[in-house]
C-alpha atoms as a PDB file:
ATOM      1  CA  UNK A   1      44.205 118.740 111.420  1.00  0.00           C
ATOM      2  CA  UNK A   2      46.380 121.270 109.561  1.00  0.00           C
ATOM      3  CA  UNK A   3      48.286 122.127 112.805  1.00  0.00           C
ATOM      4  CA  UNK A   4      49.189 118.575 113.398  1.00  0.00           C
ATOM      5  CA  UNK A   5      50.088 117.510 109.872  1.00  0.00           C
ATOM      6  CA  UNK A   6      52.191 120.527 108.945  1.00  0.00           C
ATOM      7  CA  UNK A   7      54.962 119.937 111.494  1.00  0.00           C
ATOM      8  CA  UNK A   8      55.014 116.309 110.519  1.00  0.00           C
ATOM      9  CA  UNK A   9      55.369 117.182 106.858  1.00  0.00           C
ATOM     10  CA  UNK A  10      58.175 119.568 107.697  1.00  0.00           C
ATOM     11  CA  UNK A  11      60.017 116.927 109.663  1.00  0.00           C
ATOM     12  CA  UNK A  12      59.726 114.435 106.817  1.00  0.00           C
ATOM     13  CA  UNK A  13      60.925 117.118 104.345  1.00  0.00           C
ATOM     14  CA  UNK A  14      63.828 117.986 106.554  1.00  0.00           C
ATOM     15  CA  UNK A  15      64.827 114.314 107.017  1.00  0.00           C
ATOM     16  CA  UNK A  16      64.484 113.772 103.332  1.00  0.00           C
ATOM     17  CA  UNK A  17      66.588 116.794 102.385  1.00  0.00           C
ATOM     18  CA  UNK A  18      69.365 115.616 104.729  1.00  0.00           C
ATOM     19  CA  UNK A  19      69.188 112.033 103.368  1.00  0.00           C
ATOM     20  CA  UNK A  20      69.427 113.408  99.885  1.00  0.00           C
ATOM     21  CA  UNK A  21      72.547 115.420 100.857  1.00  0.00           C
ATOM     22  CA  UNK A  22      74.133 112.295 102.342  1.00  0.00           C
ATOM     23  CA  UNK A  23      73.048 109.626  99.845  1.00  0.00           C
ATOM     24  CA  UNK A  24      71.612 111.492  96.889  1.00  0.00           C
ATOM     25  CA  UNK A  25      74.489 111.244  94.428  1.00  0.00           C
ATOM     26  CA  UNK A  26      74.866 107.547  95.045  1.00  0.00           C
ATOM     27  CA  UNK A  27      71.104 107.021  94.520  1.00  0.00           C
ATOM     28  CA  UNK A  28      71.073 108.904  91.314  1.00  0.00           C
ATOM     29  CA  UNK A  29      74.048 107.151  89.777  1.00  0.00           C
ATOM     30  CA  UNK A  30      72.945 103.697  90.919  1.00  0.00           C
ATOM     31  CA  UNK A  31      69.390 104.129  89.769  1.00  0.00           C
ATOM     32  CA  UNK A  32      70.427 105.638  86.362  1.00  0.00           C
ATOM     33  CA  UNK A  33      73.021 102.950  85.786  1.00  0.00           C
ATOM     34  CA  UNK A  34      70.710 100.041  86.592  1.00  0.00           C
ATOM     35  CA  UNK A  35      67.789 101.390  84.649  1.00  0.00           C
ATOM     36  CA  UNK A  36      69.809 102.444  81.575  1.00  0.00           C
ATOM     37  CA  UNK A  37      71.760  99.178  81.335  1.00  0.00           C
ATOM     38  CA  UNK A  38      68.609  97.093  81.807  1.00  0.00           C
ATOM     39  CA  UNK A  39      66.889  98.993  79.091  1.00  0.00           C
ATOM     40  CA  UNK A  40      69.728  98.152  76.658  1.00  0.00           C
ATOM     41  CA  UNK A  41      70.030  94.594  77.801  1.00  0.00           C
ATOM     42  CA  UNK A  42      66.309  93.818  77.321  1.00  0.00           C
ATOM     43  CA  UNK A  43      66.416  94.533  73.595  1.00  0.00           C
ATOM     44  CA  UNK A  44      70.052  93.922  72.607  1.00  0.00           C
ATOM     45  CA  UNK A  45      71.173  91.133  74.952  1.00  0.00           C
ATOM     46  CA  UNK A  46      68.031  88.986  74.467  1.00  0.00           C
ATOM     47  CA  UNK A  47      67.147  89.580  70.790  1.00  0.00           C
ATOM     48  CA  UNK A  48      68.875  86.464  69.602  1.00  0.00           C
ATOM     49  CA  UNK A  49      67.704  84.211  72.470  1.00  0.00           C
ATOM     50  CA  UNK A  50      64.462  82.350  72.160  1.00  0.00           C
ATOM     51  CA  UNK A  51      64.500  80.598  75.548  1.00  0.00           C
ATOM     52  CA  UNK A  52      66.645  79.261  78.320  1.00  0.00           C
ATOM     53  CA  UNK A  53      66.906  75.500  78.533  1.00  0.00           C
ATOM     54  CA  UNK A  54      66.852  75.451  82.365  1.00  0.00           C
ATOM     55  CA  UNK A  55      63.742  77.607  82.496  1.00  0.00           C
ATOM     56  CA  UNK A  56      61.494  76.558  79.619  1.00  0.00           C
ATOM     57  CA  UNK A  57      58.240  76.989  81.636  1.00  0.00           C
ATOM     58  CA  UNK A  58      58.983  80.541  82.671  1.00  0.00           C
ATOM     59  CA  UNK A  59      59.632  82.001  79.198  1.00  0.00           C
ATOM     60  CA  UNK A  60      56.320  82.744  77.357  1.00  0.00           C
ATOM     61  CA  UNK A  61      55.835  80.660  74.221  1.00  0.00           C
ATOM     62  CA  UNK A  62      53.035  82.732  72.712  1.00  0.00           C
ATOM     63  CA  UNK A  63      52.289  86.460  72.479  1.00  0.00           C
ATOM     64  CA  UNK A  64      49.376  86.493  74.916  1.00  0.00           C
ATOM     65  CA  UNK A  65      50.972  87.754  78.100  1.00  0.00           C
ATOM     66  CA  UNK A  66      51.123  91.153  79.756  1.00  0.00           C
ATOM     67  CA  UNK A  67      53.939  92.239  77.432  1.00  0.00           C
ATOM     68  CA  UNK A  68      54.513  91.202  73.884  1.00  0.00           C
ATOM     69  CA  UNK A  69      57.594  92.139  71.933  1.00  0.00           C
ATOM     70  CA  UNK A  70      57.992  91.476  68.225  1.00  0.00           C
ATOM     71  CA  UNK A  71      60.928  92.069  65.863  1.00  0.00           C
ATOM     72  CA  UNK A  72      61.030  94.004  62.636  1.00  0.00           C
ATOM     73  CA  UNK A  73      59.478  91.072  60.778  1.00  0.00           C
ATOM     74  CA  UNK A  74      56.646  90.667  63.231  1.00  0.00           C
ATOM     75  CA  UNK A  75      58.093  87.561  64.859  1.00  0.00           C
ATOM     76  CA  UNK A  76      57.445  87.122  68.570  1.00  0.00           C
ATOM     77  CA  UNK A  77      60.503  87.495  70.854  1.00  0.00           C
ATOM     78  CA  UNK A  78      59.865  85.365  73.941  1.00  0.00           C
ATOM     79  CA  UNK A  79      63.028  86.136  75.927  1.00  0.00           C
ATOM     80  CA  UNK A  80      62.720  89.864  75.304  1.00  0.00           C
ATOM     81  CA  UNK A  81      59.037  89.696  76.370  1.00  0.00           C
ATOM     82  CA  UNK A  82      60.069  87.903  79.479  1.00  0.00           C
ATOM     83  CA  UNK A  83      62.754  90.380  80.532  1.00  0.00           C
ATOM     84  CA  UNK A  84      60.323  93.279  79.873  1.00  0.00           C
ATOM     85  CA  UNK A  85      57.727  91.524  81.931  1.00  0.00           C
ATOM     86  CA  UNK A  86      60.107  91.294  84.830  1.00  0.00           C
ATOM     87  CA  UNK A  87      60.957  94.932  84.660  1.00  0.00           C
ATOM     88  CA  UNK A  88      58.599  95.936  87.583  1.00  0.00           C
ATOM     89  CA  UNK A  89      60.306  93.239  89.781  1.00  0.00           C
ATOM     90  CA  UNK A  90      63.717  94.473  88.812  1.00  0.00           C
ATOM     91  CA  UNK A  91      62.855  98.095  89.645  1.00  0.00           C
ATOM     92  CA  UNK A  92      61.205  96.914  92.798  1.00  0.00           C
ATOM     93  CA  UNK A  93      64.397  95.180  93.765  1.00  0.00           C
ATOM     94  CA  UNK A  94      66.363  98.313  93.050  1.00  0.00           C
ATOM     95  CA  UNK A  95      64.051 100.421  95.261  1.00  0.00           C
ATOM     96  CA  UNK A  96      64.317  97.867  98.086  1.00  0.00           C
ATOM     97  CA  UNK A  97      68.092  97.832  97.907  1.00  0.00           C
ATOM     98  CA  UNK A  98      68.275 101.628  97.905  1.00  0.00           C
ATOM     99  CA  UNK A  99      66.179 101.641 101.052  1.00  0.00           C
ATOM    100  CA  UNK A 100      68.518  99.288 102.837  1.00  0.00           C
ATOM    101  CA  UNK A 101      71.607 101.195 101.732  1.00  0.00           C
ATOM    102  CA  UNK A 102      70.410 104.747 102.603  1.00  0.00           C
ATOM    103  CA  UNK A 103      68.433 104.505 105.739  1.00  0.00           C
ATOM    104  CA  UNK A 104      71.072 102.840 107.971  1.00  0.00           C
ATOM    105  CA  UNK A 105      73.541 105.495 106.971  1.00  0.00           C
ATOM    106  CA  UNK A 106      71.254 108.274 107.940  1.00  0.00           C
ATOM    107  CA  UNK A 107      70.415 106.696 111.308  1.00  0.00           C
ATOM    108  CA  UNK A 108      74.088 105.812 111.892  1.00  0.00           C
ATOM    109  CA  UNK A 109      75.163 109.411 111.274  1.00  0.00           C
ATOM    110  CA  UNK A 110      72.578 110.581 113.799  1.00  0.00           C
ATOM    111  CA  UNK A 111      73.816 108.072 116.382  1.00  0.00           C
ATOM    112  CA  UNK A 112      77.512 108.894 115.786  1.00  0.00           C
ATOM    113  CA  UNK A 113      76.860 112.640 115.846  1.00  0.00           C
ATOM    114  CA  UNK A 114      74.492 112.760 118.736  1.00  0.00           C
ATOM    115  CA  UNK A 115      71.575 113.962 116.559  1.00  0.00           C
ATOM    116  CA  UNK A 116      69.237 111.225 117.653  1.00  0.00           C
ATOM    117  CA  UNK A 117      69.934 111.934 121.321  1.00  0.00           C
ATOM    118  CA  UNK A 118      68.865 115.584 120.721  1.00  0.00           C
ATOM    119  CA  UNK A 119      65.763 114.384 118.906  1.00  0.00           C
ATOM    120  CA  UNK A 120      64.781 111.911 121.735  1.00  0.00           C
ATOM    121  CA  UNK A 121      65.305 114.683 124.304  1.00  0.00           C
ATOM    122  CA  UNK A 122      62.923 117.039 122.357  1.00  0.00           C
ATOM    123  CA  UNK A 123      59.138 117.188 122.351  1.00  0.00           C
ATOM    124  CA  UNK A 124      58.835 115.022 119.223  1.00  0.00           C
ATOM    125  CA  UNK A 125      56.899 111.792 119.840  1.00  0.00           C
ATOM    126  CA  UNK A 126      58.882 108.566 119.144  1.00  0.00           C
ATOM    127  CA  UNK A 127      56.225 107.589 116.552  1.00  0.00           C
ATOM    128  CA  UNK A 128      56.651 110.823 114.720  1.00  0.00           C
ATOM    129  CA  UNK A 129      60.431 110.368 114.799  1.00  0.00           C
ATOM    130  CA  UNK A 130      60.029 106.948 113.140  1.00  0.00           C
ATOM    131  CA  UNK A 131      57.625 108.303 110.580  1.00  0.00           C
ATOM    132  CA  UNK A 132      60.124 111.010 109.635  1.00  0.00           C
ATOM    133  CA  UNK A 133      62.906 108.500 109.100  1.00  0.00           C
ATOM    134  CA  UNK A 134      60.522 106.287 107.144  1.00  0.00           C
ATOM    135  CA  UNK A 135      59.241 109.247 105.084  1.00  0.00           C
ATOM    136  CA  UNK A 136      62.854 110.175 104.178  1.00  0.00           C
ATOM    137  CA  UNK A 137      63.667 106.644 103.077  1.00  0.00           C
ATOM    138  CA  UNK A 138      60.537 106.483 101.011  1.00  0.00           C
ATOM    139  CA  UNK A 139      61.285 109.806  99.404  1.00  0.00           C
ATOM    140  CA  UNK A 140      64.813 108.688  98.494  1.00  0.00           C
ATOM    141  CA  UNK A 141      63.559 105.296  97.287  1.00  0.00           C
ATOM    142  CA  UNK A 142      60.837 106.958  95.124  1.00  0.00           C
ATOM    143  CA  UNK A 143      63.457 109.199  93.610  1.00  0.00           C
ATOM    144  CA  UNK A 144      65.533 106.053  92.757  1.00  0.00           C
ATOM    145  CA  UNK A 145      62.496 104.512  91.155  1.00  0.00           C
ATOM    146  CA  UNK A 146      61.637 107.595  89.064  1.00  0.00           C
ATOM    147  CA  UNK A 147      65.248 107.917  87.912  1.00  0.00           C
ATOM    148  CA  UNK A 148      65.462 104.234  87.041  1.00  0.00           C
ATOM    149  CA  UNK A 149      62.184 104.391  85.204  1.00  0.00           C
ATOM    150  CA  UNK A 150      63.248 107.418  83.157  1.00  0.00           C
ATOM    151  CA  UNK A 151      66.590 105.900  82.341  1.00  0.00           C
ATOM    152  CA  UNK A 152      64.997 102.587  81.408  1.00  0.00           C
ATOM    153  CA  UNK A 153      62.359 104.198  79.265  1.00  0.00           C
ATOM    154  CA  UNK A 154      64.903 106.335  77.384  1.00  0.00           C
ATOM    155  CA  UNK A 155      67.351 103.557  76.692  1.00  0.00           C
ATOM    156  CA  UNK A 156      64.737 100.962  75.873  1.00  0.00           C
ATOM    157  CA  UNK A 157      62.880 103.178  73.456  1.00  0.00           C
ATOM    158  CA  UNK A 158      66.095 104.188  71.655  1.00  0.00           C
ATOM    159  CA  UNK A 159      67.328 100.539  71.572  1.00  0.00           C
ATOM    160  CA  UNK A 160      63.896  99.261  70.412  1.00  0.00           C
ATOM    161  CA  UNK A 161      63.931 101.753  67.549  1.00  0.00           C
ATOM    162  CA  UNK A 162      67.453 100.776  66.524  1.00  0.00           C
ATOM    163  CA  UNK A 163      66.643  97.045  66.403  1.00  0.00           C
ATOM    164  CA  UNK A 164      63.179  97.656  64.923  1.00  0.00           C
ATOM    165  CA  UNK A 165      61.215  96.012  67.783  1.00  0.00           C
ATOM    166  CA  UNK A 166      57.604  96.775  68.580  1.00  0.00           C
ATOM    167  CA  UNK A 167      56.036  96.429  72.065  1.00  0.00           C
ATOM    168  CA  UNK A 168      52.504  95.877  73.219  1.00  0.00           C
ATOM    169  CA  UNK A 169      51.551  96.142  76.894  1.00  0.00           C
ATOM    170  CA  UNK A 170      48.415  95.455  78.781  1.00  0.00           C
ATOM    171  CA  UNK A 171      47.082  98.075  81.247  1.00  0.00           C
ATOM    172  CA  UNK A 172      47.687  95.758  84.185  1.00  0.00           C
ATOM    173  CA  UNK A 173      51.316  95.950  83.391  1.00  0.00           C
ATOM    174  CA  UNK A 174      51.361  99.693  84.084  1.00  0.00           C
ATOM    175  CA  UNK A 175      49.721  99.008  87.459  1.00  0.00           C
ATOM    176  CA  UNK A 176      52.507  96.563  88.270  1.00  0.00           C
ATOM    177  CA  UNK A 177      55.085  99.252  87.494  1.00  0.00           C
ATOM    178  CA  UNK A 178      53.513 101.338  90.211  1.00  0.00           C
ATOM    179  CA  UNK A 179      52.485  98.855  92.834  1.00  0.00           C
ATOM    180  CA  UNK A 180      55.539  96.616  92.989  1.00  0.00           C
ATOM    181  CA  UNK A 181      58.297  99.179  93.452  1.00  0.00           C
ATOM    182  CA  UNK A 182      56.152 101.150  95.943  1.00  0.00           C
ATOM    183  CA  UNK A 183      55.386  97.986  97.976  1.00  0.00           C
ATOM    184  CA  UNK A 184      58.937  96.776  98.058  1.00  0.00           C
ATOM    185  CA  UNK A 185      60.325 100.227  98.910  1.00  0.00           C
ATOM    186  CA  UNK A 186      57.841 100.689 101.754  1.00  0.00           C
ATOM    187  CA  UNK A 187      58.509  97.162 103.237  1.00  0.00           C
ATOM    188  CA  UNK A 188      62.289  97.422 102.803  1.00  0.00           C
ATOM    189  CA  UNK A 189      62.373 100.897 104.492  1.00  0.00           C
ATOM    190  CA  UNK A 190      60.200  99.753 107.313  1.00  0.00           C
ATOM    191  CA  UNK A 191      62.094  96.542 108.014  1.00  0.00           C
ATOM    192  CA  UNK A 192      65.395  98.442 107.805  1.00  0.00           C
ATOM    193  CA  UNK A 193      64.220 101.089 110.192  1.00  0.00           C
ATOM    194  CA  UNK A 194      63.164  98.303 112.624  1.00  0.00           C
ATOM    195  CA  UNK A 195      66.648  96.840 112.588  1.00  0.00           C
ATOM    196  CA  UNK A 196      68.391 100.120 112.723  1.00  0.00           C
ATOM    197  CA  UNK A 197      66.589 101.360 115.851  1.00  0.00           C
ATOM    198  CA  UNK A 198      65.982  98.106 117.755  1.00  0.00           C
ATOM    199  CA  UNK A 199      69.338  96.447 116.799  1.00  0.00           C
ATOM    200  CA  UNK A 200      71.789  99.371 116.347  1.00  0.00           C
ATOM    201  CA  UNK A 201      74.817  97.006 116.152  1.00  0.00           C
ATOM    202  CA  UNK A 202      73.572  95.994 112.701  1.00  0.00           C
ATOM    203  CA  UNK A 203      74.655  99.396 111.488  1.00  0.00           C
ATOM    204  CA  UNK A 204      78.278  98.500 112.034  1.00  0.00           C
ATOM    205  CA  UNK A 205      79.875  98.351 108.585  1.00  0.00           C
ATOM    206  CA  UNK A 206      82.335  95.733 109.835  1.00  0.00           C
ATOM    207  CA  UNK A 207      79.497  93.399 110.831  1.00  0.00           C
ATOM    208  CA  UNK A 208      79.529  90.838 108.019  1.00  0.00           C
ATOM    209  CA  UNK A 209      76.778  91.882 105.485  1.00  0.00           C
ATOM    210  CA  UNK A 210      76.268  95.233 107.147  1.00  0.00           C
ATOM    211  CA  UNK A 211      72.814  94.293 108.494  1.00  0.00           C
ATOM    212  CA  UNK A 212      72.869  90.500 107.942  1.00  0.00           C
ATOM    213  CA  UNK A 213      69.437  89.044 108.502  1.00  0.00           C
ATOM    214  CA  UNK A 214      67.758  92.401 108.779  1.00  0.00           C
ATOM    215  CA  UNK A 215      68.805  93.301 105.296  1.00  0.00           C
ATOM    216  CA  UNK A 216      67.836  89.854 104.054  1.00  0.00           C
ATOM    217  CA  UNK A 217      64.312  90.148 105.511  1.00  0.00           C
ATOM    218  CA  UNK A 218      64.037  93.599 103.939  1.00  0.00           C
ATOM    219  CA  UNK A 219      64.869  92.521 100.405  1.00  0.00           C
ATOM    220  CA  UNK A 220      63.596  88.913 100.434  1.00  0.00           C
ATOM    221  CA  UNK A 221      60.070  89.642  99.149  1.00  0.00           C
ATOM    222  CA  UNK A 222      61.560  91.557  96.242  1.00  0.00           C
ATOM    223  CA  UNK A 223      63.804  88.656  95.391  1.00  0.00           C
ATOM    224  CA  UNK A 224      61.348  85.842  95.644  1.00  0.00           C
ATOM    225  CA  UNK A 225      57.689  86.462  96.381  1.00  0.00           C
ATOM    226  CA  UNK A 226      56.892  89.544  94.258  1.00  0.00           C
ATOM    227  CA  UNK A 227      58.504  88.426  90.886  1.00  0.00           C
ATOM    228  CA  UNK A 228      56.264  85.291  91.016  1.00  0.00           C
ATOM    229  CA  UNK A 229      53.229  87.548  90.862  1.00  0.00           C
ATOM    230  CA  UNK A 230      54.116  88.506  87.302  1.00  0.00           C
ATOM    231  CA  UNK A 231      54.062  84.943  86.229  1.00  0.00           C
ATOM    232  CA  UNK A 232      50.366  84.553  86.975  1.00  0.00           C
ATOM    233  CA  UNK A 233      48.772  86.312  83.941  1.00  0.00           C
ATOM    234  CA  UNK A 234      45.217  85.418  84.989  1.00  0.00           C
ATOM    235  CA  UNK A 235      45.657  86.574  88.554  1.00  0.00           C
ATOM    236  CA  UNK A 236      48.062  89.550  88.333  1.00  0.00           C
ATOM    237  CA  UNK A 237      45.487  92.230  89.324  1.00  0.00           C
ATOM    238  CA  UNK A 238      44.159  90.488  92.523  1.00  0.00           C
ATOM    239  CA  UNK A 239      47.792  89.357  93.365  1.00  0.00           C
ATOM    240  CA  UNK A 240      48.985  92.945  93.118  1.00  0.00           C
ATOM    241  CA  UNK A 241      46.148  94.002  95.430  1.00  0.00           C
ATOM    242  CA  UNK A 242      47.171  91.391  97.894  1.00  0.00           C
ATOM    243  CA  UNK A 243      50.778  92.482  97.729  1.00  0.00           C
ATOM    244  CA  UNK A 244      49.908  96.142  98.351  1.00  0.00           C
ATOM    245  CA  UNK A 245      47.476  95.369 101.210  1.00  0.00           C
ATOM    246  CA  UNK A 246      49.801  93.002 102.852  1.00  0.00           C
ATOM    247  CA  UNK A 247      52.711  95.390 102.577  1.00  0.00           C
ATOM    248  CA  UNK A 248      50.759  98.265 104.075  1.00  0.00           C
ATOM    249  CA  UNK A 249      49.447  96.099 106.994  1.00  0.00           C
ATOM    250  CA  UNK A 250      52.812  94.522 107.642  1.00  0.00           C
ATOM    251  CA  UNK A 251      54.593  97.924 107.534  1.00  0.00           C
ATOM    252  CA  UNK A 252      52.082  99.459 109.890  1.00  0.00           C
ATOM    253  CA  UNK A 253      52.361  96.661 112.422  1.00  0.00           C
ATOM    254  CA  UNK A 254      56.163  96.694 112.246  1.00  0.00           C
ATOM    255  CA  UNK A 255      56.254 100.469 112.834  1.00  0.00           C
ATOM    256  CA  UNK A 256      54.030 100.129 115.906  1.00  0.00           C
ATOM    257  CA  UNK A 257      56.174  97.275 117.237  1.00  0.00           C
ATOM    258  CA  UNK A 258      59.316  99.457 116.713  1.00  0.00           C
ATOM    259  CA  UNK A 259      57.784 102.318 118.543  1.00  0.00           C
ATOM    260  CA  UNK A 260      56.763 100.059 121.452  1.00  0.00           C
ATOM    261  CA  UNK A 261      60.059  98.143 121.593  1.00  0.00           C
ATOM    262  CA  UNK A 262      62.349 101.052 121.168  1.00  0.00           C
ATOM    263  CA  UNK A 263      64.502 102.103 124.164  1.00  0.00           C
ATOM    264  CA  UNK A 264      66.847 104.998 124.023  1.00  0.00           C
ATOM    265  CA  UNK A 265      69.512 103.024 125.827  1.00  0.00           C
ATOM    266  CA  UNK A 266      69.774 100.637 122.917  1.00  0.00           C
ATOM    267  CA  UNK A 267      70.976 103.407 120.686  1.00  0.00           C
ATOM    268  CA  UNK A 268      72.726 105.815 123.019  1.00  0.00           C
ATOM    269  CA  UNK A 269      74.400 103.106 125.055  1.00  0.00           C
ATOM    270  CA  UNK A 270      75.439 100.956 122.115  1.00  0.00           C
END
């Protein structure tokens, strides 16, 4: 067991280090910027807003949700509570986008530089090669999530102290902060890897949206399906379990399909 897992871990580590060298600085700045600005926006940008006329049913009207924010006088802040409630979805979206931005670049560099040809000619099984790419993408996405979380926590705490706001969170909310970004990062990385290796032309930066439908499929759950989970206060925990299980199963199936459908001529001859 140790003999088989150690080389795999080393490959993932090597791929992750290379991905960090290529995309690390962009990841750090993007994650820190999004997390920090959102932390300020939650408490400053929404402090004077009670609701949005076009979304009255989405904004909580009473302090009985997963997150409750009150001002210095103890008055409930519905809009601030809503934005803080959606933080796991916002961070999940960030992680998903980072995966779609970094993984194609790593694969494209390997294709252009002949690195993937050397890897395919070696003794490494194709499945292990895919796992290494996927592990690198997940490592970089996880780093983006951690950086965004730290930036958000720092700026939101400082801003909350300045405006005199108090926050109360249910334990399920902390689970959502873990499950949603992880699930979206895993699915986005897997779907992007599927497109990068089976449809290498989607890596062309001149091709429209730089991935078109592949990128849309990768980030669509983070944009639509997952945020709706947070709006079901009585079903959040089972819904999070379904999201995690579905993501793991779908990613496993897609990885196997990629391994079976991959042909070296698709990449080397493109």
